[in-house]
Amino acid sequence: MSHIVTVLDAVTAFEDYMEPTSAELDAIEREMPVILADVDLLDAHIAIIDRTPTELDSRRIRRARRRALAARVALLNRTAAAGAPGGAA
């Protein structure tokens, strides 16, 4: 019979490296508008999951989808501008 203690030692040996780095936190911060827009779109879809969508529900989904796409385009534009030589897109 093996004990969990042996597994625990292997897992906690890398405990210092399990936290996100500053670069990873910065990437999450840059992507936060996209994440929030996707959450809004998901909320709109969840709201109608057990009923027939009304016209208002359809509008909410369309608006949320447009905001999600706009957030993705803005993120791509910022990424492309940052990677372009001279800082220009």
PDB file of N, CA and C in Angstrom:
ATOM      1  N   MET A   1       0.842  -1.172   0.000  1.00  0.00           N
ATOM      2  CA  MET A   1       0.000   0.000   0.000  1.00  0.00           C
ATOM      3  C   MET A   1       0.889   1.238   0.000  1.00  0.00           C
ATOM      4  N   SER A   2       0.664   2.149  -0.935  1.00  0.00           N
ATOM      5  CA  SER A   2       1.478   3.369  -0.981  1.00  0.00           C
ATOM      6  C   SER A   2       0.791   4.471  -0.178  1.00  0.00           C
ATOM      7  N   HIS A   3       1.600   5.330   0.367  1.00  0.00           N
ATOM      8  CA  HIS A   3       1.075   6.399   1.201  1.00  0.00           C
ATOM      9  C   HIS A   3       1.063   7.709   0.435  1.00  0.00           C
ATOM     10  N   ILE A   4       0.137   8.561   0.786  1.00  0.00           N
ATOM     11  CA  ILE A   4      -0.003   9.845   0.118  1.00  0.00           C
ATOM     12  C   ILE A   4       1.181  10.767   0.425  1.00  0.00           C
ATOM     13  N   VAL A   5       1.890  10.510   1.497  1.00  0.00           N
ATOM     14  CA  VAL A   5       3.009  11.359   1.899  1.00  0.00           C
ATOM     15  C   VAL A   5       4.068  11.402   0.805  1.00  0.00           C
ATOM     16  N   THR A   6       4.308  10.294   0.142  1.00  0.00           N
ATOM     17  CA  THR A   6       5.318  10.285  -0.914  1.00  0.00           C
ATOM     18  C   THR A   6       4.890  11.168  -2.082  1.00  0.00           C
ATOM     19  N   VAL A   7       3.621  11.190  -2.390  1.00  0.00           N
ATOM     20  CA  VAL A   7       3.110  12.050  -3.457  1.00  0.00           C
ATOM     21  C   VAL A   7       3.146  13.503  -3.011  1.00  0.00           C
ATOM     22  N   LEU A   8       2.819  13.761  -1.767  1.00  0.00           N
ATOM     23  CA  LEU A   8       2.813  15.119  -1.242  1.00  0.00           C
ATOM     24  C   LEU A   8       4.203  15.739  -1.335  1.00  0.00           C
ATOM     25  N   ASP A   9       5.229  14.981  -1.030  1.00  0.00           N
ATOM     26  CA  ASP A   9       6.592  15.501  -1.134  1.00  0.00           C
ATOM     27  C   ASP A   9       6.934  15.873  -2.568  1.00  0.00           C
ATOM     28  N   ALA A  10       6.501  15.080  -3.508  1.00  0.00           N
ATOM     29  CA  ALA A  10       6.783  15.369  -4.914  1.00  0.00           C
ATOM     30  C   ALA A  10       6.042  16.614  -5.388  1.00  0.00           C
ATOM     31  N   VAL A  11       4.835  16.813  -4.922  1.00  0.00           N
ATOM     32  CA  VAL A  11       4.041  17.966  -5.350  1.00  0.00           C
ATOM     33  C   VAL A  11       4.550  19.240  -4.701  1.00  0.00           C
ATOM     34  N   THR A  12       4.824  19.210  -3.410  1.00  0.00           N
ATOM     35  CA  THR A  12       5.231  20.431  -2.718  1.00  0.00           C
ATOM     36  C   THR A  12       6.676  20.809  -2.999  1.00  0.00           C
ATOM     37  N   ALA A  13       7.439  19.955  -3.643  1.00  0.00           N
ATOM     38  CA  ALA A  13       8.812  20.302  -3.983  1.00  0.00           C
ATOM     39  C   ALA A  13       8.857  21.465  -4.960  1.00  0.00           C
ATOM     40  N   PHE A  14       7.821  21.625  -5.772  1.00  0.00           N
ATOM     41  CA  PHE A  14       7.769  22.698  -6.761  1.00  0.00           C
ATOM     42  C   PHE A  14       6.817  23.811  -6.342  1.00  0.00           C
ATOM     43  N   GLU A  15       6.538  23.907  -5.070  1.00  0.00           N
ATOM     44  CA  GLU A  15       5.562  24.868  -4.580  1.00  0.00           C
ATOM     45  C   GLU A  15       5.961  26.316  -4.910  1.00  0.00           C
ATOM     46  N   ASP A  16       7.244  26.628  -4.875  1.00  0.00           N
ATOM     47  CA  ASP A  16       7.686  27.990  -5.183  1.00  0.00           C
ATOM     48  C   ASP A  16       7.395  28.367  -6.630  1.00  0.00           C
ATOM     49  N   TYR A  17       7.329  27.388  -7.511  1.00  0.00           N
ATOM     50  CA  TYR A  17       7.144  27.649  -8.936  1.00  0.00           C
ATOM     51  C   TYR A  17       5.689  27.556  -9.368  1.00  0.00           C
ATOM     52  N   MET A  18       4.781  27.344  -8.438  1.00  0.00           N
ATOM     53  CA  MET A  18       3.382  27.144  -8.795  1.00  0.00           C
ATOM     54  C   MET A  18       2.624  28.467  -8.925  1.00  0.00           C
ATOM     55  N   GLU A  19       3.176  29.555  -8.422  1.00  0.00           N
ATOM     56  CA  GLU A  19       2.524  30.848  -8.532  1.00  0.00           C
ATOM     57  C   GLU A  19       2.779  31.431  -9.922  1.00  0.00           C
ATOM     58  N   PRO A  20       1.843  32.229 -10.442  1.00  0.00           N
ATOM     59  CA  PRO A  20       2.073  32.842 -11.754  1.00  0.00           C
ATOM     60  C   PRO A  20       3.193  33.874 -11.682  1.00  0.00           C
ATOM     61  N   THR A  21       3.928  33.975 -12.752  1.00  0.00           N
ATOM     62  CA  THR A  21       5.015  34.954 -12.826  1.00  0.00           C
ATOM     63  C   THR A  21       4.447  36.331 -13.130  1.00  0.00           C
ATOM     64  N   SER A  22       5.287  37.333 -13.044  1.00  0.00           N
ATOM     65  CA  SER A  22       4.851  38.694 -13.369  1.00  0.00           C
ATOM     66  C   SER A  22       4.428  38.804 -14.825  1.00  0.00           C
ATOM     67  N   ALA A  23       5.127  38.124 -15.705  1.00  0.00           N
ATOM     68  CA  ALA A  23       4.772  38.157 -17.126  1.00  0.00           C
ATOM     69  C   ALA A  23       3.409  37.509 -17.355  1.00  0.00           C
ATOM     70  N   GLU A  24       3.137  36.418 -16.651  1.00  0.00           N
ATOM     71  CA  GLU A  24       1.833  35.760 -16.797  1.00  0.00           C
ATOM     72  C   GLU A  24       0.715  36.642 -16.252  1.00  0.00           C
ATOM     73  N   LEU A  25       0.957  37.309 -15.136  1.00  0.00           N
ATOM     74  CA  LEU A  25      -0.048  38.221 -14.586  1.00  0.00           C
ATOM     75  C   LEU A  25      -0.286  39.411 -15.512  1.00  0.00           C
ATOM     76  N   ASP A  26       0.772  39.914 -16.141  1.00  0.00           N
ATOM     77  CA  ASP A  26       0.621  41.005 -17.109  1.00  0.00           C
ATOM     78  C   ASP A  26      -0.197  40.556 -18.322  1.00  0.00           C
ATOM     79  N   ALA A  27       0.034  39.328 -18.778  1.00  0.00           N
ATOM     80  CA  ALA A  27      -0.724  38.803 -19.916  1.00  0.00           C
ATOM     81  C   ALA A  27      -2.199  38.666 -19.559  1.00  0.00           C
ATOM     82  N   ILE A  28      -2.479  38.212 -18.351  1.00  0.00           N
ATOM     83  CA  ILE A  28      -3.874  38.101 -17.909  1.00  0.00           C
ATOM     84  C   ILE A  28      -4.511  39.480 -17.852  1.00  0.00           C
ATOM     85  N   GLU A  29      -3.769  40.462 -17.350  1.00  0.00           N
ATOM     86  CA  GLU A  29      -4.286  41.822 -17.267  1.00  0.00           C
ATOM     87  C   GLU A  29      -4.595  42.387 -18.657  1.00  0.00           C
ATOM     88  N   ARG A  30      -3.723  42.111 -19.637  1.00  0.00           N
ATOM     89  CA  ARG A  30      -3.966  42.583 -21.013  1.00  0.00           C
ATOM     90  C   ARG A  30      -5.196  41.905 -21.612  1.00  0.00           C
ATOM     91  N   GLU A  31      -5.431  40.655 -21.266  1.00  0.00           N
ATOM     92  CA  GLU A  31      -6.540  39.899 -21.828  1.00  0.00           C
ATOM     93  C   GLU A  31      -7.841  40.058 -21.040  1.00  0.00           C
ATOM     94  N   MET A  32      -7.828  40.791 -19.941  1.00  0.00           N
ATOM     95  CA  MET A  32      -9.013  40.906 -19.087  1.00  0.00           C
ATOM     96  C   MET A  32     -10.239  41.451 -19.816  1.00  0.00           C
ATOM     97  N   PRO A  33     -10.146  42.463 -20.697  1.00  0.00           N
ATOM     98  CA  PRO A  33     -11.356  42.900 -21.411  1.00  0.00           C
ATOM     99  C   PRO A  33     -11.979  41.770 -22.249  1.00  0.00           C
ATOM    100  N   VAL A  34     -11.158  40.941 -22.854  1.00  0.00           N
ATOM    101  CA  VAL A  34     -11.669  39.813 -23.639  1.00  0.00           C
ATOM    102  C   VAL A  34     -12.345  38.806 -22.714  1.00  0.00           C
ATOM    103  N   ILE A  35     -11.726  38.534 -21.588  1.00  0.00           N
ATOM    104  CA  ILE A  35     -12.284  37.576 -20.632  1.00  0.00           C
ATOM    105  C   ILE A  35     -13.635  38.060 -20.134  1.00  0.00           C
ATOM    106  N   LEU A  36     -13.727  39.324 -19.756  1.00  0.00           N
ATOM    107  CA  LEU A  36     -14.990  39.869 -19.250  1.00  0.00           C
ATOM    108  C   LEU A  36     -16.075  39.890 -20.324  1.00  0.00           C
ATOM    109  N   ALA A  37     -15.701  40.202 -21.557  1.00  0.00           N
ATOM    110  CA  ALA A  37     -16.682  40.198 -22.651  1.00  0.00           C
ATOM    111  C   ALA A  37     -17.174  38.776 -22.909  1.00  0.00           C
ATOM    112  N   ASP A  38     -16.279  37.794 -22.829  1.00  0.00           N
ATOM    113  CA  ASP A  38     -16.693  36.397 -22.999  1.00  0.00           C
ATOM    114  C   ASP A  38     -17.613  35.946 -21.870  1.00  0.00           C
ATOM    115  N   VAL A  39     -17.354  36.425 -20.664  1.00  0.00           N
ATOM    116  CA  VAL A  39     -18.228  36.092 -19.533  1.00  0.00           C
ATOM    117  C   VAL A  39     -19.621  36.672 -19.756  1.00  0.00           C
ATOM    118  N   ASP A  40     -19.696  37.913 -20.243  1.00  0.00           N
ATOM    119  CA  ASP A  40     -20.998  38.521 -20.541  1.00  0.00           C
ATOM    120  C   ASP A  40     -21.751  37.729 -21.611  1.00  0.00           C
ATOM    121  N   LEU A  41     -21.025  37.289 -22.638  1.00  0.00           N
ATOM    122  CA  LEU A  41     -21.661  36.485 -23.684  1.00  0.00           C
ATOM    123  C   LEU A  41     -22.152  35.164 -23.117  1.00  0.00           C
ATOM    124  N   LEU A  42     -21.362  34.540 -22.282  1.00  0.00           N
ATOM    125  CA  LEU A  42     -21.771  33.283 -21.653  1.00  0.00           C
ATOM    126  C   LEU A  42     -22.980  33.492 -20.759  1.00  0.00           C
ATOM    127  N   ASP A  43     -23.010  34.593 -20.017  1.00  0.00           N
ATOM    128  CA  ASP A  43     -24.179  34.904 -19.183  1.00  0.00           C
ATOM    129  C   ASP A  43     -25.440  35.065 -20.021  1.00  0.00           C
ATOM    130  N   ALA A  44     -25.306  35.702 -21.172  1.00  0.00           N
ATOM    131  CA  ALA A  44     -26.462  35.889 -22.050  1.00  0.00           C
ATOM    132  C   ALA A  44     -26.975  34.543 -22.559  1.00  0.00           C
ATOM    133  N   HIS A  45     -26.058  33.646 -22.881  1.00  0.00           N
ATOM    134  CA  HIS A  45     -26.481  32.322 -23.341  1.00  0.00           C
ATOM    135  C   HIS A  45     -27.086  31.503 -22.208  1.00  0.00           C
ATOM    136  N   ILE A  46     -26.522  31.595 -21.020  1.00  0.00           N
ATOM    137  CA  ILE A  46     -27.043  30.834 -19.878  1.00  0.00           C
ATOM    138  C   ILE A  46     -28.445  31.302 -19.513  1.00  0.00           C
ATOM    139  N   ALA A  47     -28.714  32.593 -19.674  1.00  0.00           N
ATOM    140  CA  ALA A  47     -30.019  33.138 -19.314  1.00  0.00           C
ATOM    141  C   ALA A  47     -31.151  32.516 -20.122  1.00  0.00           C
ATOM    142  N   ILE A  48     -30.857  32.044 -21.326  1.00  0.00           N
ATOM    143  CA  ILE A  48     -31.923  31.490 -22.165  1.00  0.00           C
ATOM    144  C   ILE A  48     -31.817  29.979 -22.324  1.00  0.00           C
ATOM    145  N   ILE A  49     -31.019  29.350 -21.506  1.00  0.00           N
ATOM    146  CA  ILE A  49     -30.753  27.925 -21.706  1.00  0.00           C
ATOM    147  C   ILE A  49     -32.004  27.055 -21.510  1.00  0.00           C
ATOM    148  N   ASP A  50     -32.923  27.486 -20.675  1.00  0.00           N
ATOM    149  CA  ASP A  50     -34.090  26.642 -20.402  1.00  0.00           C
ATOM    150  C   ASP A  50     -35.409  27.269 -20.854  1.00  0.00           C
ATOM    151  N   ARG A  51     -35.325  28.218 -21.755  1.00  0.00           N
ATOM    152  CA  ARG A  51     -36.548  28.835 -22.262  1.00  0.00           C
ATOM    153  C   ARG A  51     -36.322  29.325 -23.682  1.00  0.00           C
ATOM    154  N   THR A  52     -37.396  29.661 -24.334  1.00  0.00           N
ATOM    155  CA  THR A  52     -37.316  30.201 -25.685  1.00  0.00           C
ATOM    156  C   THR A  52     -36.866  31.657 -25.601  1.00  0.00           C
ATOM    157  N   PRO A  53     -35.848  32.021 -26.360  1.00  0.00           N
ATOM    158  CA  PRO A  53     -35.363  33.403 -26.280  1.00  0.00           C
ATOM    159  C   PRO A  53     -36.370  34.389 -26.861  1.00  0.00           C
ATOM    160  N   THR A  54     -36.508  35.509 -26.173  1.00  0.00           N
ATOM    161  CA  THR A  54     -37.361  36.587 -26.666  1.00  0.00           C
ATOM    162  C   THR A  54     -36.513  37.481 -27.569  1.00  0.00           C
ATOM    163  N   GLU A  55     -37.138  38.483 -28.148  1.00  0.00           N
ATOM    164  CA  GLU A  55     -36.398  39.436 -28.982  1.00  0.00           C
ATOM    165  C   GLU A  55     -35.364  40.181 -28.142  1.00  0.00           C
ATOM    166  N   LEU A  56     -35.706  40.495 -26.916  1.00  0.00           N
ATOM    167  CA  LEU A  56     -34.765  41.168 -26.020  1.00  0.00           C
ATOM    168  C   LEU A  56     -33.556  40.277 -25.725  1.00  0.00           C
ATOM    169  N   ASP A  57     -33.799  38.981 -25.534  1.00  0.00           N
ATOM    170  CA  ASP A  57     -32.695  38.038 -25.314  1.00  0.00           C
ATOM    171  C   ASP A  57     -31.790  37.962 -26.536  1.00  0.00           C
ATOM    172  N   SER A  58     -32.397  37.935 -27.694  1.00  0.00           N
ATOM    173  CA  SER A  58     -31.605  37.883 -28.926  1.00  0.00           C
ATOM    174  C   SER A  58     -30.741  39.122 -29.088  1.00  0.00           C
ATOM    175  N   ARG A  59     -31.293  40.278 -28.759  1.00  0.00           N
ATOM    176  CA  ARG A  59     -30.511  41.519 -28.823  1.00  0.00           C
ATOM    177  C   ARG A  59     -29.346  41.481 -27.828  1.00  0.00           C
ATOM    178  N   ARG A  60     -29.631  40.985 -26.628  1.00  0.00           N
ATOM    179  CA  ARG A  60     -28.581  40.905 -25.604  1.00  0.00           C
ATOM    180  C   ARG A  60     -27.441  40.013 -26.076  1.00  0.00           C
ATOM    181  N   ILE A  61     -27.774  38.893 -26.701  1.00  0.00           N
ATOM    182  CA  ILE A  61     -26.744  37.982 -27.202  1.00  0.00           C
ATOM    183  C   ILE A  61     -25.955  38.638 -28.336  1.00  0.00           C
ATOM    184  N   ARG A  62     -26.661  39.309 -29.250  1.00  0.00           N
ATOM    185  CA  ARG A  62     -25.958  39.980 -30.354  1.00  0.00           C
ATOM    186  C   ARG A  62     -25.018  41.063 -29.845  1.00  0.00           C
ATOM    187  N   ARG A  63     -25.494  41.859 -28.873  1.00  0.00           N
ATOM    188  CA  ARG A  63     -24.633  42.907 -28.306  1.00  0.00           C
ATOM    189  C   ARG A  63     -23.427  42.302 -27.606  1.00  0.00           C
ATOM    190  N   ALA A  64     -23.658  41.243 -26.841  1.00  0.00           N
ATOM    191  CA  ALA A  64     -22.552  40.595 -26.126  1.00  0.00           C
ATOM    192  C   ALA A  64     -21.562  39.987 -27.110  1.00  0.00           C
ATOM    193  N   ARG A  65     -22.060  39.413 -28.193  1.00  0.00           N
ATOM    194  CA  ARG A  65     -21.165  38.834 -29.211  1.00  0.00           C
ATOM    195  C   ARG A  65     -20.335  39.927 -29.886  1.00  0.00           C
ATOM    196  N   ARG A  66     -20.964  41.071 -30.189  1.00  0.00           N
ATOM    197  CA  ARG A  66     -20.230  42.186 -30.802  1.00  0.00           C
ATOM    198  C   ARG A  66     -19.166  42.735 -29.852  1.00  0.00           C
ATOM    199  N   ARG A  67     -19.503  42.848 -28.551  1.00  0.00           N
ATOM    200  CA  ARG A  67     -18.515  43.330 -27.581  1.00  0.00           C
ATOM    201  C   ARG A  67     -17.357  42.353 -27.453  1.00  0.00           C
ATOM    202  N   ALA A  68     -17.651  41.055 -27.474  1.00  0.00           N
ATOM    203  CA  ALA A  68     -16.591  40.048 -27.373  1.00  0.00           C
ATOM    204  C   ALA A  68     -15.671  40.122 -28.589  1.00  0.00           C
ATOM    205  N   LEU A  69     -16.252  40.248 -29.771  1.00  0.00           N
ATOM    206  CA  LEU A  69     -15.435  40.358 -30.984  1.00  0.00           C
ATOM    207  C   LEU A  69     -14.625  41.650 -30.998  1.00  0.00           C
ATOM    208  N   ALA A  70     -15.229  42.743 -30.559  1.00  0.00           N
ATOM    209  CA  ALA A  70     -14.515  44.021 -30.521  1.00  0.00           C
ATOM    210  C   ALA A  70     -13.353  43.960 -29.528  1.00  0.00           C
ATOM    211  N   ALA A  71     -13.559  43.294 -28.408  1.00  0.00           N
ATOM    212  CA  ALA A  71     -12.476  43.161 -27.424  1.00  0.00           C
ATOM    213  C   ALA A  71     -11.337  42.320 -27.984  1.00  0.00           C
ATOM    214  N   ARG A  72     -11.675  41.274 -28.721  1.00  0.00           N
ATOM    215  CA  ARG A  72     -10.633  40.442 -29.341  1.00  0.00           C
ATOM    216  C   ARG A  72      -9.853  41.224 -30.401  1.00  0.00           C
ATOM    217  N   VAL A  73     -10.562  41.997 -31.210  1.00  0.00           N
ATOM    218  CA  VAL A  73      -9.893  42.801 -32.241  1.00  0.00           C
ATOM    219  C   VAL A  73      -8.977  43.835 -31.589  1.00  0.00           C
ATOM    220  N   ALA A  74      -9.455  44.473 -30.521  1.00  0.00           N
ATOM    221  CA  ALA A  74      -8.630  45.469 -29.829  1.00  0.00           C
ATOM    222  C   ALA A  74      -7.380  44.816 -29.249  1.00  0.00           C
ATOM    223  N   LEU A  75      -7.512  43.638 -28.691  1.00  0.00           N
ATOM    224  CA  LEU A  75      -6.345  42.931 -28.143  1.00  0.00           C
ATOM    225  C   LEU A  75      -5.367  42.573 -29.256  1.00  0.00           C
ATOM    226  N   LEU A  76      -5.873  42.087 -30.376  1.00  0.00           N
ATOM    227  CA  LEU A  76      -4.995  41.754 -31.499  1.00  0.00           C
ATOM    228  C   LEU A  76      -4.284  42.989 -32.047  1.00  0.00           C
ATOM    229  N   ASN A  77      -5.004  44.099 -32.119  1.00  0.00           N
ATOM    230  CA  ASN A  77      -4.390  45.336 -32.607  1.00  0.00           C
ATOM    231  C   ASN A  77      -3.295  45.828 -31.664  1.00  0.00           C
ATOM    232  N   ARG A  78      -3.545  45.740 -30.358  1.00  0.00           N
ATOM    233  CA  ARG A  78      -2.528  46.150 -29.390  1.00  0.00           C
ATOM    234  C   ARG A  78      -1.321  45.221 -29.470  1.00  0.00           C
ATOM    235  N   THR A  79      -1.549  43.928 -29.647  1.00  0.00           N
ATOM    236  CA  THR A  79      -0.457  42.958 -29.738  1.00  0.00           C
ATOM    237  C   THR A  79       0.355  43.208 -31.004  1.00  0.00           C
ATOM    238  N   ALA A  80      -0.328  43.473 -32.106  1.00  0.00           N
ATOM    239  CA  ALA A  80       0.370  43.726 -33.364  1.00  0.00           C
ATOM    240  C   ALA A  80       1.151  45.027 -33.297  1.00  0.00           C
ATOM    241  N   ALA A  81       0.587  46.039 -32.665  1.00  0.00           N
ATOM    242  CA  ALA A  81       1.280  47.327 -32.554  1.00  0.00           C
ATOM    243  C   ALA A  81       2.510  47.204 -31.662  1.00  0.00           C
ATOM    244  N   ALA A  82       2.423  46.398 -30.625  1.00  0.00           N
ATOM    245  CA  ALA A  82       3.563  46.223 -29.733  1.00  0.00           C
ATOM    246  C   ALA A  82       4.676  45.437 -30.392  1.00  0.00           C
ATOM    247  N   GLY A  83       4.319  44.539 -31.318  1.00  0.00           N
ATOM    248  CA  GLY A  83       5.323  43.718 -31.969  1.00  0.00           C
ATOM    249  C   GLY A  83       5.897  44.316 -33.224  1.00  0.00           C
ATOM    250  N   ALA A  84       5.303  45.407 -33.705  1.00  0.00           N
ATOM    251  CA  ALA A  84       5.782  46.021 -34.942  1.00  0.00           C
ATOM    252  C   ALA A  84       7.063  46.804 -34.691  1.00  0.00           C
ATOM    253  N   PRO A  85       7.974  46.806 -35.655  1.00  0.00           N
ATOM    254  CA  PRO A  85       9.198  47.587 -35.474  1.00  0.00           C
ATOM    255  C   PRO A  85       8.897  49.073 -35.411  1.00  0.00           C
ATOM    256  N   GLY A  86       9.506  49.743 -34.467  1.00  0.00           N
ATOM    257  CA  GLY A  86       9.269  51.175 -34.315  1.00  0.00           C
ATOM    258  C   GLY A  86       8.022  51.502 -33.552  1.00  0.00           C
ATOM    259  N   GLY A  87       7.278  50.483 -33.095  1.00  0.00           N
ATOM    260  CA  GLY A  87       6.074  50.709 -32.300  1.00  0.00           C
ATOM    261  C   GLY A  87       4.862  51.117 -33.103  1.00  0.00           C
ATOM    262  N   ALA A  88       4.919  51.060 -34.430  1.00  0.00           N
ATOM    263  CA  ALA A  88       3.777  51.433 -35.259  1.00  0.00           C
ATOM    264  C   ALA A  88       3.198  50.195 -35.908  1.00  0.00           C
ATOM    265  N   ALA A  89       1.899  50.239 -36.127  1.00  0.00           N
ATOM    266  CA  ALA A  89       1.234  49.090 -36.747  1.00  0.00           C
ATOM    267  C   ALA A  89       1.221  49.221 -38.245  1.00  0.00           C
TER     268      ALA A  89
END
